[in-house]
C-alpha atoms as a PDB file:
ATOM      1  CA  MET A   1       0.000   0.000   0.000  1.00  0.00           C
ATOM      2  CA  SER A   2       1.307   3.433  -0.935  1.00  0.00           C
ATOM      3  CA  LEU A   3       1.027   5.698   2.096  1.00  0.00           C
ATOM      4  CA  ASP A   4       1.463   8.748  -0.137  1.00  0.00           C
ATOM      5  CA  LEU A   5      -1.494   7.688  -2.286  1.00  0.00           C
ATOM      6  CA  LYS A   6      -3.628   6.944   0.775  1.00  0.00           C
ATOM      7  CA  ASP A   7      -2.797  10.369   2.202  1.00  0.00           C
ATOM      8  CA  PHE A   8      -3.648  12.014  -1.132  1.00  0.00           C
ATOM      9  CA  LEU A   9      -6.993  10.205  -1.363  1.00  0.00           C
ATOM     10  CA  ASP A  10      -7.890  10.843   2.279  1.00  0.00           C
ATOM     11  CA  LYS A  11      -7.225  14.554   1.846  1.00  0.00           C
ATOM     12  CA  ASN A  12      -9.510  14.663  -1.181  1.00  0.00           C
ATOM     13  CA  VAL A  13     -12.242  12.714   0.614  1.00  0.00           C
ATOM     14  CA  ALA A  14     -12.131  15.441   3.267  1.00  0.00           C
ATOM     15  CA  ARG A  15     -12.137  18.072   0.530  1.00  0.00           C
ATOM     16  CA  TYR A  16     -15.271  16.827  -1.275  1.00  0.00           C
ATOM     17  CA  ASN A  17     -17.242  14.928   1.397  1.00  0.00           C
ATOM     18  CA  ARG A  18     -18.715  18.144   2.754  1.00  0.00           C
ATOM     19  CA  PRO A  19     -22.233  19.600   2.977  1.00  0.00           C
ATOM     20  CA  GLU A  20     -21.179  22.506   0.739  1.00  0.00           C
ATOM     21  CA  PHE A  21     -21.145  20.154  -2.249  1.00  0.00           C
ATOM     22  CA  ILE A  22     -24.682  18.841  -1.700  1.00  0.00           C
ATOM     23  CA  PRO A  23     -26.591  21.616  -3.564  1.00  0.00           C
ATOM     24  CA  ASP A  24     -24.848  20.921  -6.887  1.00  0.00           C
ATOM     25  CA  ASP A  25     -25.205  17.130  -6.742  1.00  0.00           C
ATOM     26  CA  PRO A  26     -28.302  14.960  -7.340  1.00  0.00           C
ATOM     27  CA  ILE A  27     -28.103  13.872  -3.689  1.00  0.00           C
ATOM     28  CA  CYS A  28     -29.536  17.307  -2.876  1.00  0.00           C
ATOM     29  CA  ILE A  29     -32.966  16.017  -3.947  1.00  0.00           C
ATOM     30  CA  PRO A  30     -33.458  13.343  -1.238  1.00  0.00           C
ATOM     31  CA  HIS A  31     -31.896  15.785   1.236  1.00  0.00           C
ATOM     32  CA  ARG A  32     -35.046  17.867   0.896  1.00  0.00           C
ATOM     33  CA  PHE A  33     -36.966  15.218   2.832  1.00  0.00           C
ATOM     34  CA  ASP A  34     -36.891  13.861   6.383  1.00  0.00           C
ATOM     35  CA  ARG A  35     -39.143  10.822   6.144  1.00  0.00           C
ATOM     36  CA  LEU A  36     -37.274   7.598   5.409  1.00  0.00           C
ATOM     37  CA  GLN A  37     -39.662   6.479   2.678  1.00  0.00           C
ATOM     38  CA  ASP A  38     -39.529   9.849   0.903  1.00  0.00           C
ATOM     39  CA  ILE A  39     -35.729   9.702   0.949  1.00  0.00           C
ATOM     40  CA  GLU A  40     -35.726   6.142  -0.397  1.00  0.00           C
ATOM     41  CA  ILE A  41     -38.278   6.670  -3.160  1.00  0.00           C
ATOM     42  CA  ILE A  42     -36.953   9.910  -4.587  1.00  0.00           C
ATOM     43  CA  GLY A  43     -33.348   8.915  -3.884  1.00  0.00           C
ATOM     44  CA  PHE A  44     -33.767   5.677  -5.812  1.00  0.00           C
ATOM     45  CA  TRP A  45     -35.532   7.349  -8.727  1.00  0.00           C
ATOM     46  CA  VAL A  46     -33.031  10.202  -8.956  1.00  0.00           C
ATOM     47  CA  ALA A  47     -30.128   7.744  -8.843  1.00  0.00           C
ATOM     48  CA  MET A  48     -31.669   5.779 -11.721  1.00  0.00           C
ATOM     49  CA  LEU A  49     -31.903   9.013 -13.740  1.00  0.00           C
ATOM     50  CA  ALA A  50     -28.337  10.059 -12.882  1.00  0.00           C
ATOM     51  CA  TRP A  51     -26.645  10.238 -16.219  1.00  0.00           C
ATOM     52  CA  GLY A  52     -25.896  13.418 -18.111  1.00  0.00           C
ATOM     53  CA  GLN A  53     -25.393  16.887 -16.659  1.00  0.00           C
ATOM     54  CA  ARG A  54     -26.056  17.172 -12.943  1.00  0.00           C
ATOM     55  CA  LYS A  55     -28.102  20.356 -13.372  1.00  0.00           C
ATOM     56  CA  THR A  56     -30.423  18.549 -15.782  1.00  0.00           C
ATOM     57  CA  ILE A  57     -30.780  15.569 -13.441  1.00  0.00           C
ATOM     58  CA  ILE A  58     -31.718  17.875 -10.563  1.00  0.00           C
ATOM     59  CA  ARG A  59     -34.230  19.752 -12.716  1.00  0.00           C
ATOM     60  CA  LYS A  60     -35.857  16.488 -13.835  1.00  0.00           C
ATOM     61  CA  ALA A  61     -36.034  15.303 -10.227  1.00  0.00           C
ATOM     62  CA  GLU A  62     -37.766  18.525  -9.201  1.00  0.00           C
ATOM     63  CA  ASP A  63     -40.268  17.984 -12.003  1.00  0.00           C
ATOM     64  CA  LEU A  64     -40.885  14.451 -10.743  1.00  0.00           C
ATOM     65  CA  ILE A  65     -41.489  15.652  -7.181  1.00  0.00           C
ATOM     66  CA  GLU A  66     -43.948  18.279  -8.417  1.00  0.00           C
ATOM     67  CA  ARG A  67     -45.923  15.614 -10.261  1.00  0.00           C
ATOM     68  CA  MET A  68     -46.013  13.651  -6.978  1.00  0.00           C
ATOM     69  CA  ASP A  69     -47.582  16.677  -5.259  1.00  0.00           C
ATOM     70  CA  GLY A  70     -44.402  17.211  -3.261  1.00  0.00           C
ATOM     71  CA  GLN A  71     -44.933  14.010  -1.252  1.00  0.00           C
ATOM     72  CA  PRO A  72     -43.318  10.971  -2.918  1.00  0.00           C
ATOM     73  CA  TYR A  73     -44.312   8.384  -0.304  1.00  0.00           C
ATOM     74  CA  GLU A  74     -47.905   9.571   0.089  1.00  0.00           C
ATOM     75  CA  PHE A  75     -48.304   9.739  -3.657  1.00  0.00           C
ATOM     76  CA  ILE A  76     -46.823   6.279  -4.241  1.00  0.00           C
ATOM     77  CA  LEU A  77     -49.060   4.723  -1.595  1.00  0.00           C
ATOM     78  CA  HIS A  78     -52.345   6.382  -2.444  1.00  0.00           C
ATOM     79  CA  HIS A  79     -52.352   7.478  -6.084  1.00  0.00           C
ATOM     80  CA  ARG A  80     -54.942   5.994  -8.426  1.00  0.00           C
ATOM     81  CA  GLU A  81     -54.609   4.789 -11.985  1.00  0.00           C
ATOM     82  CA  GLU A  82     -55.853   8.069 -13.439  1.00  0.00           C
ATOM     83  CA  ASP A  83     -53.206  10.004 -11.483  1.00  0.00           C
ATOM     84  CA  ARG A  84     -50.518   8.384 -13.614  1.00  0.00           C
ATOM     85  CA  ARG A  85     -51.630  10.332 -16.669  1.00  0.00           C
ATOM     86  CA  ARG A  86     -49.701  13.359 -15.433  1.00  0.00           C
ATOM     87  CA  PHE A  87     -46.474  11.370 -15.955  1.00  0.00           C
ATOM     88  CA  LEU A  88     -47.067  10.463 -19.591  1.00  0.00           C
ATOM     89  CA  ASP A  89     -44.863  13.299 -20.846  1.00  0.00           C
ATOM     90  CA  PHE A  90     -42.132  12.844 -18.223  1.00  0.00           C
ATOM     91  CA  LYS A  91     -38.880  11.715 -19.758  1.00  0.00           C
ATOM     92  CA  HIS A  92     -35.131  12.009 -19.335  1.00  0.00           C
ATOM     93  CA  ARG A  93     -32.960  10.976 -22.245  1.00  0.00           C
ATOM     94  CA  THR A  94     -33.920   7.335 -22.912  1.00  0.00           C
ATOM     95  CA  PHE A  95     -36.144   7.136 -19.809  1.00  0.00           C
ATOM     96  CA  GLN A  96     -39.641   7.365 -21.293  1.00  0.00           C
ATOM     97  CA  ALA A  97     -43.304   7.116 -20.252  1.00  0.00           C
ATOM     98  CA  THR A  98     -43.338   3.306 -20.318  1.00  0.00           C
ATOM     99  CA  ASP A  99     -40.471   3.250 -17.826  1.00  0.00           C
ATOM    100  CA  THR A 100     -42.094   5.879 -15.607  1.00  0.00           C
ATOM    101  CA  LEU A 101     -45.389   4.013 -15.431  1.00  0.00           C
ATOM    102  CA  TYR A 102     -43.654   0.776 -14.492  1.00  0.00           C
ATOM    103  CA  PHE A 103     -41.622   2.497 -11.766  1.00  0.00           C
ATOM    104  CA  LEU A 104     -44.888   3.828 -10.317  1.00  0.00           C
ATOM    105  CA  GLU A 105     -46.492   0.388 -10.519  1.00  0.00           C
ATOM    106  CA  PHE A 106     -43.611  -1.422  -8.842  1.00  0.00           C
ATOM    107  CA  LEU A 107     -43.116   1.147  -6.086  1.00  0.00           C
ATOM    108  CA  GLN A 108     -46.820   1.234  -5.231  1.00  0.00           C
ATOM    109  CA  ARG A 109     -47.092  -2.538  -5.003  1.00  0.00           C
ATOM    110  CA  TYR A 110     -43.889  -2.749  -3.008  1.00  0.00           C
ATOM    111  CA  TYR A 111     -44.629  -0.049  -0.437  1.00  0.00           C
ATOM    112  CA  ARG A 112     -48.148  -1.313   0.174  1.00  0.00           C
ATOM    113  CA  THR A 113     -46.576  -4.441   1.685  1.00  0.00           C
ATOM    114  CA  HIS A 114     -43.149  -3.189   2.894  1.00  0.00           C
ATOM    115  CA  ASP A 115     -42.031  -0.317   5.103  1.00  0.00           C
ATOM    116  CA  THR A 116     -38.628   0.232   3.529  1.00  0.00           C
ATOM    117  CA  LEU A 117     -36.816  -0.377   0.275  1.00  0.00           C
ATOM    118  CA  GLU A 118     -33.885  -1.677   2.290  1.00  0.00           C
ATOM    119  CA  ASP A 119     -35.501  -5.121   2.448  1.00  0.00           C
ATOM    120  CA  ALA A 120     -35.572  -5.332  -1.362  1.00  0.00           C
ATOM    121  CA  PHE A 121     -31.760  -5.362  -1.321  1.00  0.00           C
ATOM    122  CA  ALA A 122     -30.802  -6.753   2.083  1.00  0.00           C
ATOM    123  CA  ARG A 123     -32.954  -9.887   1.820  1.00  0.00           C
ATOM    124  CA  HIS A 124     -30.570 -11.162  -0.861  1.00  0.00           C
ATOM    125  CA  LEU A 125     -27.381 -10.376   1.062  1.00  0.00           C
ATOM    126  CA  GLY A 126     -25.735 -12.424   3.782  1.00  0.00           C
ATOM    127  CA  TRP A 127     -24.219 -10.468   6.656  1.00  0.00           C
ATOM    128  CA  ASP A 128     -20.851 -12.034   5.881  1.00  0.00           C
ATOM    129  CA  ALA A 129     -21.065 -11.561   2.085  1.00  0.00           C
ATOM    130  CA  PRO A 130     -17.924  -9.891   0.713  1.00  0.00           C
ATOM    131  CA  HIS A 131     -19.871  -7.320  -1.311  1.00  0.00           C
ATOM    132  CA  THR A 132     -23.346  -6.309  -2.475  1.00  0.00           C
ATOM    133  CA  GLY A 133     -23.302  -8.198  -5.783  1.00  0.00           C
ATOM    134  CA  SER A 134     -25.982 -10.686  -4.675  1.00  0.00           C
ATOM    135  CA  ALA A 135     -28.166  -7.805  -3.460  1.00  0.00           C
ATOM    136  CA  LEU A 136     -28.024  -6.174  -6.901  1.00  0.00           C
ATOM    137  CA  LEU A 137     -28.856  -9.458  -8.615  1.00  0.00           C
ATOM    138  CA  GLY A 138     -31.764 -10.115  -6.290  1.00  0.00           C
ATOM    139  CA  PHE A 139     -33.128  -6.595  -6.544  1.00  0.00           C
ATOM    140  CA  HIS A 140     -33.126  -6.746 -10.332  1.00  0.00           C
ATOM    141  CA  GLU A 141     -35.136  -9.964 -10.270  1.00  0.00           C
ATOM    142  CA  LEU A 142     -37.574  -8.522  -7.743  1.00  0.00           C
ATOM    143  CA  PHE A 143     -38.017  -5.248  -9.600  1.00  0.00           C
ATOM    144  CA  PHE A 144     -38.984  -7.032 -12.802  1.00  0.00           C
ATOM    145  CA  SER A 145     -41.082  -9.740 -11.149  1.00  0.00           C
ATOM    146  CA  LEU A 146     -44.420  -8.121 -12.019  1.00  0.00           C
ATOM    147  CA  PRO A 147     -46.204  -9.841 -14.926  1.00  0.00           C
ATOM    148  CA  ASP A 148     -46.373  -6.674 -17.045  1.00  0.00           C
ATOM    149  CA  ALA A 149     -42.705  -5.675 -16.655  1.00  0.00           C
ATOM    150  CA  PRO A 150     -41.624  -3.991 -19.923  1.00  0.00           C
ATOM    151  CA  GLN A 151     -38.520  -5.383 -21.551  1.00  0.00           C
ATOM    152  CA  ARG A 152     -37.288  -1.908 -22.452  1.00  0.00           C
ATOM    153  CA  THR A 153     -37.228  -0.783 -18.807  1.00  0.00           C
ATOM    154  CA  ARG A 154     -34.621  -3.400 -17.894  1.00  0.00           C
ATOM    155  CA  LYS A 155     -31.848  -1.216 -19.274  1.00  0.00           C
ATOM    156  CA  HIS A 156     -32.579   1.333 -16.555  1.00  0.00           C
ATOM    157  CA  ILE A 157     -31.982  -1.097 -13.671  1.00  0.00           C
ATOM    158  CA  ALA A 158     -28.542  -2.620 -14.071  1.00  0.00           C
ATOM    159  CA  THR A 159     -27.445  -6.074 -12.949  1.00  0.00           C
ATOM    160  CA  PRO A 160     -24.085  -7.805 -12.553  1.00  0.00           C
ATOM    161  CA  ALA A 161     -25.565 -10.633 -14.612  1.00  0.00           C
ATOM    162  CA  ARG A 162     -25.014  -8.441 -17.684  1.00  0.00           C
ATOM    163  CA  LYS A 163     -21.523  -7.471 -16.497  1.00  0.00           C
ATOM    164  CA  SER A 164     -22.696  -3.900 -15.941  1.00  0.00           C
ATOM    165  CA  THR A 165     -20.814  -1.598 -13.572  1.00  0.00           C
ATOM    166  CA  CYS A 166     -24.197  -0.957 -11.862  1.00  0.00           C
ATOM    167  CA  LYS A 167     -22.956   2.583 -11.222  1.00  0.00           C
ATOM    168  CA  ARG A 168     -26.309   4.123 -10.360  1.00  0.00           C
ATOM    169  CA  LEU A 169     -27.389   1.318  -8.034  1.00  0.00           C
ATOM    170  CA  ASN A 170     -24.022   1.367  -6.270  1.00  0.00           C
ATOM    171  CA  MET A 171     -24.361   5.122  -5.857  1.00  0.00           C
ATOM    172  CA  PHE A 172     -27.844   4.751  -4.382  1.00  0.00           C
ATOM    173  CA  LEU A 173     -26.598   2.137  -1.920  1.00  0.00           C
ATOM    174  CA  ARG A 174     -23.747   4.461  -0.944  1.00  0.00           C
ATOM    175  CA  TRP A 175     -26.289   7.174  -0.169  1.00  0.00           C
ATOM    176  CA  MET A 176     -28.419   4.871   1.960  1.00  0.00           C
ATOM    177  CA  VAL A 177     -25.726   2.868   3.801  1.00  0.00           C
ATOM    178  CA  ARG A 178     -22.636   5.010   4.464  1.00  0.00           C
ATOM    179  CA  LYS A 179     -22.486   6.757   7.825  1.00  0.00           C
ATOM    180  CA  ASP A 180     -20.145   9.547   8.888  1.00  0.00           C
ATOM    181  CA  ARG A 181     -20.267  12.932  10.592  1.00  0.00           C
ATOM    182  CA  GLN A 182     -20.268  14.953   7.370  1.00  0.00           C
ATOM    183  CA  GLY A 183     -23.931  14.173   6.657  1.00  0.00           C
ATOM    184  CA  VAL A 184     -23.692  13.924   2.873  1.00  0.00           C
ATOM    185  CA  ASP A 185     -24.685  10.260   2.745  1.00  0.00           C
ATOM    186  CA  PHE A 186     -27.768   9.346   4.768  1.00  0.00           C
ATOM    187  CA  GLY A 187     -26.668   6.182   6.566  1.00  0.00           C
ATOM    188  CA  CYS A 188     -30.306   5.291   7.200  1.00  0.00           C
ATOM    189  CA  TRP A 189     -30.011   1.563   6.398  1.00  0.00           C
ATOM    190  CA  ASN A 190     -28.475  -0.889   8.846  1.00  0.00           C
ATOM    191  CA  ARG A 191     -28.750  -4.338   7.251  1.00  0.00           C
ATOM    192  CA  ILE A 192     -25.993  -3.691   4.704  1.00  0.00           C
ATOM    193  CA  ARG A 193     -22.511  -2.921   6.022  1.00  0.00           C
ATOM    194  CA  PRO A 194     -20.427  -0.058   4.562  1.00  0.00           C
ATOM    195  CA  GLU A 195     -17.545  -2.476   3.935  1.00  0.00           C
ATOM    196  CA  GLN A 196     -19.822  -4.451   1.568  1.00  0.00           C
ATOM    197  CA  LEU A 197     -20.463  -1.472  -0.703  1.00  0.00           C
ATOM    198  CA  LEU A 198     -18.990  -1.274  -4.200  1.00  0.00           C
ATOM    199  CA  MET A 199     -17.654   1.759  -6.013  1.00  0.00           C
ATOM    200  CA  PRO A 200     -19.974   3.689  -8.346  1.00  0.00           C
ATOM    201  CA  LEU A 201     -17.769   3.499 -11.425  1.00  0.00           C
ATOM    202  CA  ASP A 202     -18.516   6.178 -14.003  1.00  0.00           C
ATOM    203  CA  VAL A 203     -16.278   7.742 -16.657  1.00  0.00           C
ATOM    204  CA  HIS A 204     -14.837  10.318 -14.246  1.00  0.00           C
ATOM    205  CA  VAL A 205     -13.990   7.821 -11.505  1.00  0.00           C
ATOM    206  CA  ASP A 206     -12.645   5.413 -14.129  1.00  0.00           C
ATOM    207  CA  ARG A 207     -10.305   8.033 -15.594  1.00  0.00           C
ATOM    208  CA  ILE A 208      -8.832   9.156 -12.260  1.00  0.00           C
ATOM    209  CA  ALA A 209      -8.564   5.601 -10.910  1.00  0.00           C
ATOM    210  CA  ARG A 210      -6.510   4.572 -13.939  1.00  0.00           C
ATOM    211  CA  ARG A 211      -4.246   7.609 -13.636  1.00  0.00           C
ATOM    212  CA  LEU A 212      -3.562   6.720 -10.001  1.00  0.00           C
ATOM    213  CA  GLY A 213      -2.872   3.064 -10.777  1.00  0.00           C
ATOM    214  CA  LEU A 214      -5.934   1.831  -8.902  1.00  0.00           C
ATOM    215  CA  LEU A 215      -7.575   0.202 -11.920  1.00  0.00           C
ATOM    216  CA  HIS A 216      -5.860  -1.827 -14.652  1.00  0.00           C
ATOM    217  CA  ARG A 217      -8.617  -3.886 -16.261  1.00  0.00           C
ATOM    218  CA  ARG A 218      -9.151  -2.731 -19.853  1.00  0.00           C
ATOM    219  CA  GLN A 219     -12.935  -3.007 -19.848  1.00  0.00           C
ATOM    220  CA  THR A 220     -15.041  -0.755 -17.657  1.00  0.00           C
ATOM    221  CA  ASP A 221     -17.361  -3.480 -16.410  1.00  0.00           C
ATOM    222  CA  TRP A 222     -18.410  -5.417 -13.307  1.00  0.00           C
ATOM    223  CA  GLN A 223     -14.954  -6.946 -12.843  1.00  0.00           C
ATOM    224  CA  ALA A 224     -13.455  -3.460 -12.982  1.00  0.00           C
ATOM    225  CA  VAL A 225     -15.762  -2.395 -10.144  1.00  0.00           C
ATOM    226  CA  LEU A 226     -14.580  -5.346  -8.058  1.00  0.00           C
ATOM    227  CA  GLU A 227     -10.926  -4.609  -8.835  1.00  0.00           C
ATOM    228  CA  LEU A 228     -11.162  -0.929  -7.962  1.00  0.00           C
ATOM    229  CA  THR A 229     -13.126  -1.540  -4.768  1.00  0.00           C
ATOM    230  CA  GLU A 230     -10.677  -4.206  -3.628  1.00  0.00           C
ATOM    231  CA  ASN A 231      -7.749  -1.851  -4.204  1.00  0.00           C
ATOM    232  CA  LEU A 232      -9.480   0.881  -2.194  1.00  0.00           C
ATOM    233  CA  ARG A 233     -10.126  -1.562   0.643  1.00  0.00           C
ATOM    234  CA  ARG A 234      -6.383  -1.558   1.228  1.00  0.00           C
ATOM    235  CA  PHE A 235      -6.715   2.063   2.332  1.00  0.00           C
ATOM    236  CA  ASP A 236      -9.891   1.650   4.405  1.00  0.00           C
ATOM    237  CA  PRO A 237     -11.309  -1.885   4.747  1.00  0.00           C
ATOM    238  CA  ALA A 238     -14.317  -0.638   6.720  1.00  0.00           C
ATOM    239  CA  ASP A 239     -15.366   2.090   4.281  1.00  0.00           C
ATOM    240  CA  PRO A 240     -13.758   1.726   0.834  1.00  0.00           C
ATOM    241  CA  VAL A 241     -16.506   3.608  -1.008  1.00  0.00           C
ATOM    242  CA  LYS A 242     -15.751   6.852   0.819  1.00  0.00           C
ATOM    243  CA  TYR A 243     -13.079   7.248  -1.857  1.00  0.00           C
ATOM    244  CA  ASP A 244     -15.850   7.875  -4.368  1.00  0.00           C
ATOM    245  CA  PHE A 245     -15.795  11.455  -3.064  1.00  0.00           C
ATOM    246  CA  ALA A 246     -12.097  11.794  -3.898  1.00  0.00           C
ATOM    247  CA  LEU A 247     -12.130  10.127  -7.321  1.00  0.00           C
ATOM    248  CA  PHE A 248     -15.379  11.700  -8.505  1.00  0.00           C
ATOM    249  CA  GLY A 249     -14.447  15.090  -7.074  1.00  0.00           C
ATOM    250  CA  LEU A 250     -11.051  15.064  -8.768  1.00  0.00           C
ATOM    251  CA  GLY A 251     -12.602  13.906 -12.044  1.00  0.00           C
ATOM    252  CA  VAL A 252     -15.496  16.374 -12.202  1.00  0.00           C
ATOM    253  CA  ILE A 253     -14.667  19.319  -9.955  1.00  0.00           C
ATOM    254  CA  GLY A 254     -10.909  19.176  -9.426  1.00  0.00           C
END
C-alpha cells in the first residue's frame, strides 16, 4: 500500500465529502426530505436518472417531485390509476413514459406491503457476504417480477448478470448505507454494512482511478468495479466507497 497515495486520497475525501457540495449534486434532492420512505423513493428514482449533466438531473427530479404533489411516499401509496396520466410526458434521455409508469407500478405494489426499500436489497445479502453483488442481482429480479414488466425498462436497472458496472445502483446504496459525521450520505439503512459497498464506477472515476494506478482492467465493467473496490479496501477496509468522493471530485470538480 502506498502511504502517499492513501494520504492524497484521504485529503480529497475530506475536501469533497462536505455539505457545501450537496446543492450541486443529485443527492440534494433526497436531502429535501426527512421521512425515510420519501428519501428512499426519490433517492432511488433520482439515482436511476443520474446520467448526463447534474443540473439537468436535478431539474428532472424537481419535475418528478412536483408531479407527486411534493410528497413521494404519500403519492406512491395512495395514487390511483388516473393520477398516472400526469407522468405520460415525463422523460429524461432514454427514460420514457413506459419506464415511468412501471416504476410507479412497482413502487406502489412494493410499499403497500413493505415499510422500507432496504428489504428489497438486504434480503438477498448475507451479513458475511464480501460485497453487495448478490443484493443487486436479487433486486433486479424482484423489480422485474411483475407480470407486465416492460422489456425496455430493464436497461434502466442494471445487474451484474449483464456485467454492468451498476454505477447508479451502487451510488444509491452508498447514499443509503454510508455513515459519517459529514452528513452527505444518509446512513439510514443498517442491514448492509459499509464495507460491503462497491464503487460507483462512471467515466470520471474510471479516468482518475486509472491515472492513479488503482484500476488496470481494460474493460469498464463489473470486474473493474470489483478490482477498484478491492484496491481501495487496502486504504480503508471498513469504508472503501468513501473514496468515491475523492475520485469523482477530482474527475469532475478538481
